[in-house]
Amino acid sequence: MATMLVEDRRKVGAEVVHGHDECFSRASLLLTNMGLPNGLLPLKEIEEVGFVKETGYFWVRQKQKSEHIFT
């Protein structure tokens, strides 16, 4: 279901970047611009980051699932 949701959002003119270094920079910038803490998401082995400017929707796709516990 999540994959279908992302695919639907992409059709609305999303900016998409690939490759870990570029994706890491873009994800960090998006978090900062939205007023969220830079360490909010575990950003390991990122393959894709997408952003729809009109709606503010963004996603981060990683190679493997990761879990993060806030303490």
C-alpha atoms as a PDB file:
ATOM      1  CA  MET A   1       0.000   0.000   0.000  1.00  0.00           C
ATOM      2  CA  ALA A   2       2.792   2.448   0.868  1.00  0.00           C
ATOM      3  CA  THR A   3       4.414   1.828  -2.507  1.00  0.00           C
ATOM      4  CA  MET A   4       1.149   2.643  -4.286  1.00  0.00           C
ATOM      5  CA  LEU A   5       0.826   5.841  -2.259  1.00  0.00           C
ATOM      6  CA  VAL A   6       4.342   6.945  -3.195  1.00  0.00           C
ATOM      7  CA  GLU A   7       3.770   6.090  -6.840  1.00  0.00           C
ATOM      8  CA  ASP A   8       0.563   8.158  -6.861  1.00  0.00           C
ATOM      9  CA  ARG A   9       2.310  11.146  -5.276  1.00  0.00           C
ATOM     10  CA  ARG A  10       5.148  11.064  -7.817  1.00  0.00           C
ATOM     11  CA  LYS A  11       2.723  11.676 -10.636  1.00  0.00           C
ATOM     12  CA  VAL A  12       1.989  15.114  -9.193  1.00  0.00           C
ATOM     13  CA  GLY A  13       5.327  16.655 -10.215  1.00  0.00           C
ATOM     14  CA  ALA A  14       7.751  15.491  -7.558  1.00  0.00           C
ATOM     15  CA  GLU A  15      11.450  16.316  -7.551  1.00  0.00           C
ATOM     16  CA  VAL A  16      13.288  13.002  -7.148  1.00  0.00           C
ATOM     17  CA  VAL A  17      17.000  12.435  -6.493  1.00  0.00           C
ATOM     18  CA  HIS A  18      18.988   9.188  -6.371  1.00  0.00           C
ATOM     19  CA  GLY A  19      22.254   8.081  -4.809  1.00  0.00           C
ATOM     20  CA  HIS A  20      23.131   8.132  -1.116  1.00  0.00           C
ATOM     21  CA  ASP A  21      25.195  11.339  -0.984  1.00  0.00           C
ATOM     22  CA  GLU A  22      22.702  13.490  -2.900  1.00  0.00           C
ATOM     23  CA  CYS A  23      19.749  11.905  -1.077  1.00  0.00           C
ATOM     24  CA  PHE A  24      21.325  12.428   2.343  1.00  0.00           C
ATOM     25  CA  SER A  25      21.885  16.112   1.598  1.00  0.00           C
ATOM     26  CA  ARG A  26      18.355  16.567   0.246  1.00  0.00           C
ATOM     27  CA  ALA A  27      16.693  14.723   3.156  1.00  0.00           C
ATOM     28  CA  SER A  28      18.661  16.754   5.704  1.00  0.00           C
ATOM     29  CA  LEU A  29      17.710  19.982   3.929  1.00  0.00           C
ATOM     30  CA  LEU A  30      14.026  19.008   3.795  1.00  0.00           C
ATOM     31  CA  LEU A  31      13.957  18.219   7.515  1.00  0.00           C
ATOM     32  CA  THR A  32      15.640  21.526   8.346  1.00  0.00           C
ATOM     33  CA  ASN A  33      13.331  23.532   6.060  1.00  0.00           C
ATOM     34  CA  MET A  34      10.272  21.959   7.707  1.00  0.00           C
ATOM     35  CA  GLY A  35      11.547  22.848  11.173  1.00  0.00           C
ATOM     36  CA  LEU A  36      12.192  19.234  12.134  1.00  0.00           C
ATOM     37  CA  PRO A  37      15.314  17.985  13.933  1.00  0.00           C
ATOM     38  CA  ASN A  38      18.063  16.846  11.577  1.00  0.00           C
ATOM     39  CA  GLY A  39      18.437  13.487  13.376  1.00  0.00           C
ATOM     40  CA  LEU A  40      14.709  12.684  13.244  1.00  0.00           C
ATOM     41  CA  LEU A  41      15.063   9.948  10.627  1.00  0.00           C
ATOM     42  CA  PRO A  42      17.750   7.268  10.456  1.00  0.00           C
ATOM     43  CA  LEU A  43      19.303   8.023   7.044  1.00  0.00           C
ATOM     44  CA  LYS A  44      21.287   4.894   6.161  1.00  0.00           C
ATOM     45  CA  GLU A  45      21.981   3.649   2.626  1.00  0.00           C
ATOM     46  CA  ILE A  46      19.440   5.976   1.024  1.00  0.00           C
ATOM     47  CA  GLU A  47      18.460   5.154  -2.551  1.00  0.00           C
ATOM     48  CA  GLU A  48      15.850   7.814  -3.289  1.00  0.00           C
ATOM     49  CA  VAL A  49      14.368  11.020  -1.896  1.00  0.00           C
ATOM     50  CA  GLY A  50      11.354  12.709  -3.402  1.00  0.00           C
ATOM     51  CA  PHE A  51       9.578  15.961  -2.665  1.00  0.00           C
ATOM     52  CA  VAL A  52       6.338  17.464  -3.965  1.00  0.00           C
ATOM     53  CA  LYS A  53       6.669  21.205  -3.416  1.00  0.00           C
ATOM     54  CA  GLU A  54       2.958  21.970  -3.864  1.00  0.00           C
ATOM     55  CA  THR A  55       1.830  19.609  -1.089  1.00  0.00           C
ATOM     56  CA  GLY A  56       4.921  19.291   1.117  1.00  0.00           C
ATOM     57  CA  TYR A  57       4.840  15.506   0.725  1.00  0.00           C
ATOM     58  CA  PHE A  58       8.244  13.820   0.794  1.00  0.00           C
ATOM     59  CA  TRP A  59       9.614  10.307   1.065  1.00  0.00           C
ATOM     60  CA  VAL A  60      12.917   8.615   1.735  1.00  0.00           C
ATOM     61  CA  ARG A  61      13.606   5.152   0.315  1.00  0.00           C
ATOM     62  CA  GLN A  62      16.413   3.119   1.876  1.00  0.00           C
ATOM     63  CA  LYS A  63      17.991  -0.194   0.837  1.00  0.00           C
ATOM     64  CA  GLN A  64      16.933  -1.937   4.033  1.00  0.00           C
ATOM     65  CA  LYS A  65      14.283  -1.451   6.650  1.00  0.00           C
ATOM     66  CA  SER A  66      15.575   0.265   9.768  1.00  0.00           C
ATOM     67  CA  GLU A  67      13.993   0.802  13.145  1.00  0.00           C
ATOM     68  CA  HIS A  68      14.618   3.777  15.360  1.00  0.00           C
ATOM     69  CA  ILE A  69      13.644   4.120  19.009  1.00  0.00           C
ATOM     70  CA  PHE A  70      13.391   7.553  20.558  1.00  0.00           C
ATOM     71  CA  THR A  71      14.656   7.639  24.119  1.00  0.00           C
END
